[in-house]
């Protein structure tokens, strides 16, 4: 689960009405300031209406984000009525109207914002008393509109970046889930191979134990040693796999690889099946996943021989080629038969393991005599 984004105190404060209230108060102070600091030439106090209009042109800014256009209309209207009172101080800038125009430009649709820009600007040009004032008004209106559009573009860009970040995060989580599913499937395959191999050897030895004990009591101890060895090996391999599932990722024993195949053949031979192990060609370096796949595939194939084939002899042959490794596991049993259909789960697992490494696997009856053959090709380069 991804962590929730932490909102900064500034962003939390910006989402409240207080920033707009502070902005309105600042604009009102700036517009009332000339009335408080400038003296009338006649010595009389300024008309009270000037204070009302100056304050009234700034107060609506509090609601600028909730109703941009009405706020602009209110600010411009109060500003245009400022000269109704007489006498009043000259106003250098109408900050409330500029803030409202900026808000309309940044938050309203194209028709609304163009109309909101054109009407006050044209109206101001028709009523001003000098070209300097008209030029200043045009520059200020264009600037406020341009800053509003820039703010809208920045918000849109930030929203697009945030959406992209969220999409990438979702994709990352999905990929993590897929990787976890692949890992669980791999662990399930490994556990199946380990348990099926160990239990098959133990069952064969246990079934043969009474016969051996009666016929050759001296060999009975060897049978029990084989059963114990198979059980210990299964426990060791299962312990390695279960370490993967722990949250504390401490050091783990390595998975068995192609170098452990001779020991695997000897262990199966201890169960009463004659196993020959042969290597042809110069051994080369396999990718890590290829080495593990070579061991698990051979383990599954020998397990099938012990469980289903009824064979007296099996052979594991490794043929090293410049581009790949070919592993053949053959036996002299009864072939596919009813107990080992070509689409059995063990053979499906063999094909999946080989394909995951970029290789391929075939299985079927031997052509050179009775028995069954599993042939696997594993590339020497990583898939």
Protein backbone atom coordinates (compact mmCIF):
# COMPACT_ATOMS: atom_id res chain seq x y z
CA UNK A 1 0.00 0.00 0.00
CA UNK A 2 1.41 3.40 -0.95
CA UNK A 3 1.82 6.13 1.65
CA UNK A 4 -0.68 8.97 1.61
CA UNK A 5 0.80 12.32 0.52
CA UNK A 6 1.58 14.64 3.45
CA UNK A 7 0.08 18.11 2.98
CA UNK A 8 2.30 20.93 4.19
CA UNK A 9 0.89 23.47 6.71
CA UNK A 10 1.11 26.19 4.04
CA UNK A 11 -1.03 24.19 1.60
CA UNK A 12 -3.57 23.47 4.34
CA UNK A 13 -3.74 27.18 5.18
CA UNK A 14 -4.02 28.13 1.49
CA UNK A 15 -7.15 25.98 1.18
CA UNK A 16 -9.00 28.06 3.82
CA UNK A 17 -10.78 31.44 3.38
CA UNK A 18 -8.12 33.22 5.48
CA UNK A 19 -5.68 34.01 2.62
CA UNK A 20 -8.43 35.75 0.64
CA UNK A 21 -9.55 37.63 3.75
CA UNK A 22 -5.97 38.81 4.33
CA UNK A 23 -5.69 39.82 0.67
CA UNK A 24 -8.95 41.80 0.87
CA UNK A 25 -7.76 43.52 4.05
CA UNK A 26 -4.46 44.44 2.39
CA UNK A 27 -6.21 45.83 -0.70
CA UNK A 28 -8.64 47.81 1.45
CA UNK A 29 -5.76 49.30 3.47
CA UNK A 30 -3.96 50.31 0.27
CA UNK A 31 -7.07 51.96 -1.20
CA UNK A 32 -8.02 53.78 2.01
CA UNK A 33 -4.41 54.90 2.59
CA UNK A 34 -4.60 58.03 0.36
CA UNK A 35 -7.67 59.20 2.30
CA UNK A 36 -5.76 58.81 5.55
CA UNK A 37 -2.43 60.32 4.53
CA UNK A 38 -3.26 63.07 2.01
CA UNK A 39 -4.67 66.44 3.06
CA UNK A 40 -7.43 68.26 1.24
CA UNK A 41 -6.21 71.59 -0.22
CA UNK A 42 -9.17 73.35 1.34
CA UNK A 43 -8.40 71.84 4.71
CA UNK A 44 -11.77 70.12 4.88
CA UNK A 45 -11.94 66.37 5.62
CA UNK A 46 -12.54 63.98 2.78
CA UNK A 47 -16.09 62.94 2.04
CA UNK A 48 -17.23 59.87 3.92
CA UNK A 49 -18.32 58.22 0.66
CA UNK A 50 -14.70 57.93 -0.42
CA UNK A 51 -13.98 55.66 2.53
CA UNK A 52 -17.07 53.54 1.76
CA UNK A 53 -16.21 53.15 -1.93
CA UNK A 54 -12.52 52.43 -1.25
CA UNK A 55 -13.39 49.77 1.30
CA UNK A 56 -16.33 48.42 -0.71
CA UNK A 57 -14.09 47.90 -3.75
CA UNK A 58 -11.81 45.60 -1.74
CA UNK A 59 -14.10 43.65 0.62
CA UNK A 60 -15.62 41.41 -2.13
CA UNK A 61 -12.13 39.94 -2.73
CA UNK A 62 -12.88 37.62 0.22
CA UNK A 63 -15.23 35.63 -2.08
CA UNK A 64 -13.11 35.87 -5.24
CA UNK A 65 -12.53 32.10 -5.65
CA UNK A 66 -16.15 31.14 -5.01
CA UNK A 67 -17.71 33.74 -7.37
CA UNK A 68 -15.00 35.34 -9.56
CA UNK A 69 -17.26 37.23 -11.97
CA UNK A 70 -19.68 38.73 -9.39
CA UNK A 71 -16.70 39.82 -7.28
CA UNK A 72 -15.17 41.57 -10.31
CA UNK A 73 -18.46 43.33 -11.05
CA UNK A 74 -18.77 44.46 -7.42
CA UNK A 75 -15.19 45.73 -7.22
CA UNK A 76 -15.36 47.63 -10.51
CA UNK A 77 -18.77 49.09 -9.70
CA UNK A 78 -17.69 50.40 -6.30
CA UNK A 79 -14.50 51.77 -7.77
CA UNK A 80 -16.37 53.62 -10.52
CA UNK A 81 -18.67 55.25 -7.90
CA UNK A 82 -15.73 56.55 -5.86
CA UNK A 83 -15.94 60.07 -7.34
CA UNK A 84 -19.62 60.46 -6.42
CA UNK A 85 -18.51 61.83 -3.05
CA UNK A 86 -16.79 65.18 -3.08
CA UNK A 87 -14.13 65.89 -2.11
CA UNK A 88 -12.11 62.62 -2.22
CA UNK A 89 -8.40 61.88 -2.54
CA UNK A 90 -6.99 60.66 -5.85
CA UNK A 91 -6.57 56.92 -6.03
CA UNK A 92 -3.31 55.70 -7.62
CA UNK A 93 -4.50 52.08 -8.09
CA UNK A 94 -7.67 50.09 -7.63
CA UNK A 95 -6.14 46.92 -6.21
CA UNK A 96 -9.44 45.16 -5.55
CA UNK A 97 -10.45 45.33 -9.22
CA UNK A 98 -7.04 44.12 -10.39
CA UNK A 99 -7.16 41.14 -7.98
CA UNK A 100 -10.68 40.29 -9.16
CA UNK A 101 -9.65 40.51 -12.84
CA UNK A 102 -6.67 38.24 -12.13
CA UNK A 103 -9.00 35.71 -10.47
CA UNK A 104 -11.47 35.73 -13.39
CA UNK A 105 -8.62 35.22 -15.87
CA UNK A 106 -7.22 32.31 -13.90
CA UNK A 107 -10.47 30.49 -13.05
CA UNK A 108 -13.17 31.27 -15.61
CA UNK A 109 -13.86 29.96 -19.11
CA UNK A 110 -12.72 31.76 -22.23
CA UNK A 111 -15.98 33.66 -23.05
CA UNK A 112 -16.42 34.85 -19.46
CA UNK A 113 -12.87 36.00 -18.95
CA UNK A 114 -12.67 37.80 -22.32
CA UNK A 115 -15.91 39.62 -21.59
CA UNK A 116 -14.73 40.44 -18.07
CA UNK A 117 -11.51 41.86 -19.50
CA UNK A 118 -13.04 43.83 -22.36
CA UNK A 119 -16.00 45.55 -20.67
CA UNK A 120 -14.17 47.21 -17.72
CA UNK A 121 -11.21 48.11 -19.92
CA UNK A 122 -13.32 49.76 -22.62
CA UNK A 123 -15.52 51.43 -20.01
CA UNK A 124 -12.47 52.80 -18.23
CA UNK A 125 -11.03 54.18 -21.47
CA UNK A 126 -14.26 56.02 -22.20
CA UNK A 127 -14.42 57.68 -18.79
CA UNK A 128 -10.80 58.53 -18.00
CA UNK A 129 -9.68 62.10 -18.15
CA UNK A 130 -6.17 61.74 -19.61
CA UNK A 131 -4.15 59.56 -21.96
CA UNK A 132 -1.63 58.78 -19.20
CA UNK A 133 -4.38 57.36 -17.03
CA UNK A 134 -5.78 55.38 -19.97
CA UNK A 135 -2.37 53.91 -20.80
CA UNK A 136 -1.76 53.00 -17.18
CA UNK A 137 -5.16 51.33 -16.97
CA UNK A 138 -4.54 49.29 -20.11
CA UNK A 139 -1.11 48.13 -18.89
CA UNK A 140 -2.46 47.15 -15.48
CA UNK A 141 -5.47 45.29 -16.92
CA UNK A 142 -3.35 43.39 -19.44
CA UNK A 143 -0.84 42.51 -16.72
CA UNK A 144 -3.51 41.26 -14.33
CA UNK A 145 -5.10 39.18 -17.11
CA UNK A 146 -1.71 37.78 -18.19
CA UNK A 147 -0.76 36.83 -14.62
CA UNK A 148 -4.13 35.11 -14.23
CA UNK A 149 -3.63 33.05 -17.38
CA UNK A 150 -0.09 32.17 -16.26
CA UNK A 151 -1.44 30.99 -12.91
CA UNK A 152 -4.09 28.88 -14.68
CA UNK A 153 -1.39 27.31 -16.87
CA UNK A 154 0.78 26.58 -13.85
CA UNK A 155 -2.15 24.91 -12.07
CA UNK A 156 -2.96 22.83 -15.13
CA UNK A 157 0.68 21.79 -15.47
CA UNK A 158 0.87 20.88 -11.77
CA UNK A 159 -2.36 18.88 -12.07
CA UNK A 160 -0.99 17.02 -15.09
CA UNK A 161 2.24 16.23 -13.24
CA UNK A 162 0.28 15.05 -10.21
CA UNK A 163 -1.95 12.87 -12.37
CA UNK A 164 1.12 11.44 -14.12
CA UNK A 165 2.77 10.75 -10.76
CA UNK A 166 -0.37 8.98 -9.53
CA UNK A 167 -0.55 6.95 -12.73
CA UNK A 168 3.10 5.95 -12.40
CA UNK A 169 2.53 5.03 -8.77
CA UNK A 170 -0.45 2.84 -9.73
CA UNK A 171 1.63 1.19 -12.44
CA UNK A 172 4.44 0.62 -9.94
CA UNK A 173 2.05 -0.98 -7.48
CA UNK A 174 0.57 -3.18 -10.21
CA UNK A 175 4.04 -4.26 -11.29
CA UNK A 176 4.93 -4.99 -7.67
CA UNK A 177 1.79 -7.12 -7.36
CA UNK A 178 2.66 -8.96 -10.57
CA UNK A 179 6.18 -9.55 -9.30
CA UNK A 180 4.78 -10.86 -6.02
CA UNK A 181 2.45 -13.19 -7.93
CA UNK A 182 5.36 -14.46 -10.02
CA UNK A 183 7.38 -15.00 -6.86
CA UNK A 184 4.52 -16.88 -5.20
CA UNK A 185 4.14 -19.05 -8.30
CA UNK A 186 7.88 -19.76 -8.27
CA UNK A 187 7.77 -20.66 -4.59
CA UNK A 188 4.76 -22.92 -5.20
CA UNK A 189 6.67 -24.69 -8.00
CA UNK A 190 9.71 -25.10 -5.77
CA UNK A 191 7.71 -26.45 -2.86
CA UNK A 192 5.92 -28.88 -5.17
CA UNK A 193 9.23 -30.13 -6.53
CA UNK A 194 10.83 -30.45 -3.10
CA UNK A 195 7.92 -32.23 -1.44
CA UNK A 196 7.10 -34.48 -4.39
CA UNK A 197 10.72 -35.56 -4.72
CA UNK A 198 11.33 -36.17 -1.01
CA UNK A 199 8.00 -37.88 -0.33
CA UNK A 200 8.39 -40.13 -3.37
CA UNK A 201 11.81 -41.32 -2.24
CA UNK A 202 10.60 -41.83 1.31
CA UNK A 203 7.48 -43.74 0.20
CA UNK A 204 9.49 -46.04 -2.09
CA UNK A 205 12.01 -46.78 0.66
CA UNK A 206 9.32 -47.26 3.30
CA UNK A 207 7.44 -49.72 1.08
CA UNK A 208 10.63 -51.62 0.36
CA UNK A 209 11.75 -51.58 4.00
CA UNK A 210 9.86 -54.65 5.24
CA UNK A 211 10.99 -56.69 2.25
CA UNK A 212 14.62 -55.65 2.74
CA UNK A 213 14.43 -56.30 6.49
CA UNK A 214 13.25 -59.87 5.89
CA UNK A 215 15.57 -60.65 2.97
CA UNK A 216 18.70 -58.75 4.01
CA UNK A 217 18.55 -57.35 7.56
CA UNK A 218 21.95 -55.72 7.05
CA UNK A 219 20.51 -53.38 4.41
CA UNK A 220 17.60 -52.26 6.58
CA UNK A 221 19.75 -49.60 8.22
CA UNK A 222 20.70 -48.25 4.77
CA UNK A 223 17.00 -47.94 3.85
CA UNK A 224 16.28 -45.93 6.98
CA UNK A 225 19.33 -43.73 6.35
CA UNK A 226 18.03 -42.98 2.86
CA UNK A 227 14.60 -42.02 4.24
CA UNK A 228 16.19 -39.77 6.87
CA UNK A 229 18.49 -38.14 4.32
CA UNK A 230 15.58 -37.39 1.98
CA UNK A 231 13.60 -35.87 4.83
CA UNK A 232 16.52 -33.73 6.01
CA UNK A 233 17.20 -32.46 2.49
CA UNK A 234 13.53 -31.55 2.03
CA UNK A 235 13.49 -29.71 5.35
CA UNK A 236 16.63 -27.75 4.44
CA UNK A 237 15.25 -26.67 1.06
CA UNK A 238 11.84 -25.79 2.51
CA UNK A 239 13.54 -23.70 5.18
CA UNK A 240 15.37 -21.76 2.48
CA UNK A 241 12.13 -21.09 0.64
CA UNK A 242 10.26 -20.02 3.75
CA UNK A 243 13.01 -17.49 4.49
CA UNK A 244 11.87 -15.68 1.35
CA UNK A 245 8.45 -15.14 2.88
CA UNK A 246 9.78 -13.52 6.03
CA UNK A 247 9.57 -9.77 6.39
CA UNK A 248 13.06 -9.60 7.81
CA UNK A 249 15.21 -10.19 4.75
CA UNK A 250 18.28 -11.61 6.46
CA UNK A 251 21.00 -13.67 4.78
CA UNK A 252 19.63 -16.82 3.19
CA UNK A 253 21.25 -20.03 2.05
CA UNK A 254 21.54 -20.22 -1.74
CA UNK A 255 19.09 -22.18 -3.87
CA UNK A 256 20.42 -25.45 -5.31
CA UNK A 257 21.97 -25.09 -8.74
CA UNK A 258 23.35 -27.25 -11.52
CA UNK A 259 26.42 -27.99 -9.37
CA UNK A 260 24.17 -29.95 -6.99
CA UNK A 261 22.92 -32.36 -9.67
CA UNK A 262 25.49 -35.13 -8.87
CA UNK A 263 24.33 -35.14 -5.23
CA UNK A 264 20.72 -35.29 -6.42
CA UNK A 265 21.52 -38.30 -8.62
CA UNK A 266 23.26 -40.05 -5.72
CA UNK A 267 20.30 -39.39 -3.43
CA UNK A 268 17.84 -40.88 -5.94
CA UNK A 269 20.18 -43.84 -6.47
CA UNK A 270 20.00 -44.45 -2.73
CA UNK A 271 16.27 -45.03 -3.13
CA UNK A 272 16.93 -48.18 -5.18
CA UNK A 273 16.90 -46.68 -8.69
CA UNK A 274 20.14 -46.94 -10.63
CA UNK A 275 21.01 -43.44 -11.83
CA UNK A 276 23.82 -42.66 -14.27
CA UNK A 277 25.15 -39.11 -14.50
CA UNK A 278 27.11 -37.98 -17.56
CA UNK A 279 28.50 -34.67 -18.82
CA UNK A 280 29.42 -34.02 -22.45
CA UNK A 281 31.36 -30.95 -23.55
CA UNK A 282 33.05 -28.18 -21.62
CA UNK A 283 30.86 -26.83 -18.80
CA UNK A 284 30.10 -23.13 -19.09
CA UNK A 285 28.49 -20.49 -16.93
CA UNK A 286 24.69 -20.52 -16.71
CA UNK A 287 22.59 -17.51 -15.63
CA UNK A 288 21.47 -17.83 -11.98
CA UNK A 289 17.86 -18.58 -12.92
CA UNK A 290 19.06 -21.14 -15.46
CA UNK A 291 21.11 -22.97 -12.83
CA UNK A 292 18.16 -23.19 -10.44
CA UNK A 293 15.85 -24.27 -13.28
CA UNK A 294 18.30 -27.02 -14.32
CA UNK A 295 18.24 -28.45 -10.80
CA UNK A 296 14.46 -28.22 -10.32
CA UNK A 297 13.69 -29.66 -13.75
CA UNK A 298 15.99 -32.63 -13.18
CA UNK A 299 14.53 -33.11 -9.71
CA UNK A 300 10.97 -33.15 -11.07
CA UNK A 301 11.89 -35.54 -13.90
CA UNK A 302 13.59 -38.01 -11.52
CA UNK A 303 10.63 -37.73 -9.14
CA UNK A 304 8.33 -38.74 -11.99
CA UNK A 305 10.59 -41.69 -12.75
CA UNK A 306 10.45 -42.87 -9.13
CA UNK A 307 6.69 -42.35 -8.80
CA UNK A 308 5.33 -43.41 -12.16
CA UNK A 309 7.81 -45.08 -14.48
CA UNK A 310 8.45 -48.39 -12.72
CA UNK A 311 12.00 -48.14 -14.07
CA UNK A 312 15.13 -49.86 -12.88
CA UNK A 313 17.58 -47.43 -14.42
CA UNK A 314 17.66 -43.73 -15.29
CA UNK A 315 20.27 -41.50 -16.86
CA UNK A 316 20.91 -37.77 -16.51
CA UNK A 317 22.97 -36.45 -19.39
CA UNK A 318 24.22 -32.86 -19.69
CA UNK A 319 25.42 -31.76 -23.13
CA UNK A 320 27.18 -28.37 -23.23
CA UNK A 321 27.02 -26.49 -26.54
CA UNK A 322 28.37 -23.05 -27.48
CA UNK A 323 24.95 -21.38 -27.11
CA UNK A 324 22.98 -23.59 -24.76
CA UNK A 325 22.85 -26.55 -22.40
CA UNK A 326 20.75 -29.62 -23.21
CA UNK A 327 19.68 -31.85 -20.33
CA UNK A 328 18.22 -35.30 -21.10
CA UNK A 329 16.63 -37.43 -18.40
CA UNK A 330 15.75 -40.89 -19.72
CA UNK A 331 14.58 -44.10 -18.07
CA UNK A 332 13.81 -47.70 -19.07
CA UNK A 333 10.35 -47.80 -17.55
CA UNK A 334 6.95 -48.23 -19.12
CA UNK A 335 6.82 -44.84 -20.88
CA UNK A 336 3.95 -42.36 -20.64
CA UNK A 337 1.20 -44.81 -19.78
CA UNK A 338 -1.85 -43.96 -17.79
CA UNK A 339 0.02 -42.75 -14.72
CA UNK A 340 1.93 -39.96 -16.47
CA UNK A 341 -0.11 -38.18 -19.12
CA UNK A 342 1.81 -35.75 -21.34
CA UNK A 343 -0.09 -32.83 -19.83
CA UNK A 344 0.57 -33.73 -16.19
CA UNK A 345 1.26 -30.96 -13.69
CA UNK A 346 4.90 -32.02 -13.30
CA UNK A 347 5.58 -31.80 -17.01
CA UNK A 348 3.73 -28.47 -17.24
CA UNK A 349 5.96 -27.14 -14.47
CA UNK A 350 9.05 -28.36 -16.34
CA UNK A 351 7.97 -26.54 -19.51
CA UNK A 352 7.16 -23.37 -17.56
CA UNK A 353 10.53 -23.34 -15.81
CA UNK A 354 12.38 -23.82 -19.09
CA UNK A 355 10.32 -21.12 -20.84
CA UNK A 356 10.93 -18.65 -17.98
CA UNK A 357 14.69 -18.93 -18.70
CA UNK A 358 14.22 -18.50 -22.45
CA UNK A 359 14.53 -22.24 -23.12
CA UNK A 360 12.22 -25.07 -24.09
CA UNK A 361 11.34 -28.58 -22.87
CA UNK A 362 9.93 -31.67 -24.57
CA UNK A 363 8.77 -34.95 -23.05
CA UNK A 364 7.57 -38.24 -24.47
CA UNK A 365 8.33 -41.94 -25.02
CA UNK A 366 11.86 -42.85 -26.04
CA UNK A 367 12.44 -43.70 -29.70
CA UNK A 368 15.44 -45.96 -29.05
CA UNK A 369 13.70 -48.35 -26.69
CA UNK A 370 11.24 -48.62 -23.82
CA UNK A 371 11.01 -45.78 -21.38
CA UNK A 372 10.46 -42.05 -21.23
CA UNK A 373 12.58 -39.03 -22.14
CA UNK A 374 12.55 -35.45 -20.86
CA UNK A 375 14.75 -33.10 -22.87
CA UNK A 376 15.39 -29.52 -21.86
CA UNK A 377 17.31 -26.76 -23.62
CA UNK A 378 18.53 -23.83 -21.51
CA UNK A 379 20.33 -20.85 -23.11
CA UNK A 380 23.70 -19.83 -21.72
CA UNK A 381 22.74 -16.13 -21.99
CA UNK A 382 20.16 -14.59 -19.65
CA UNK A 383 16.64 -14.54 -21.08
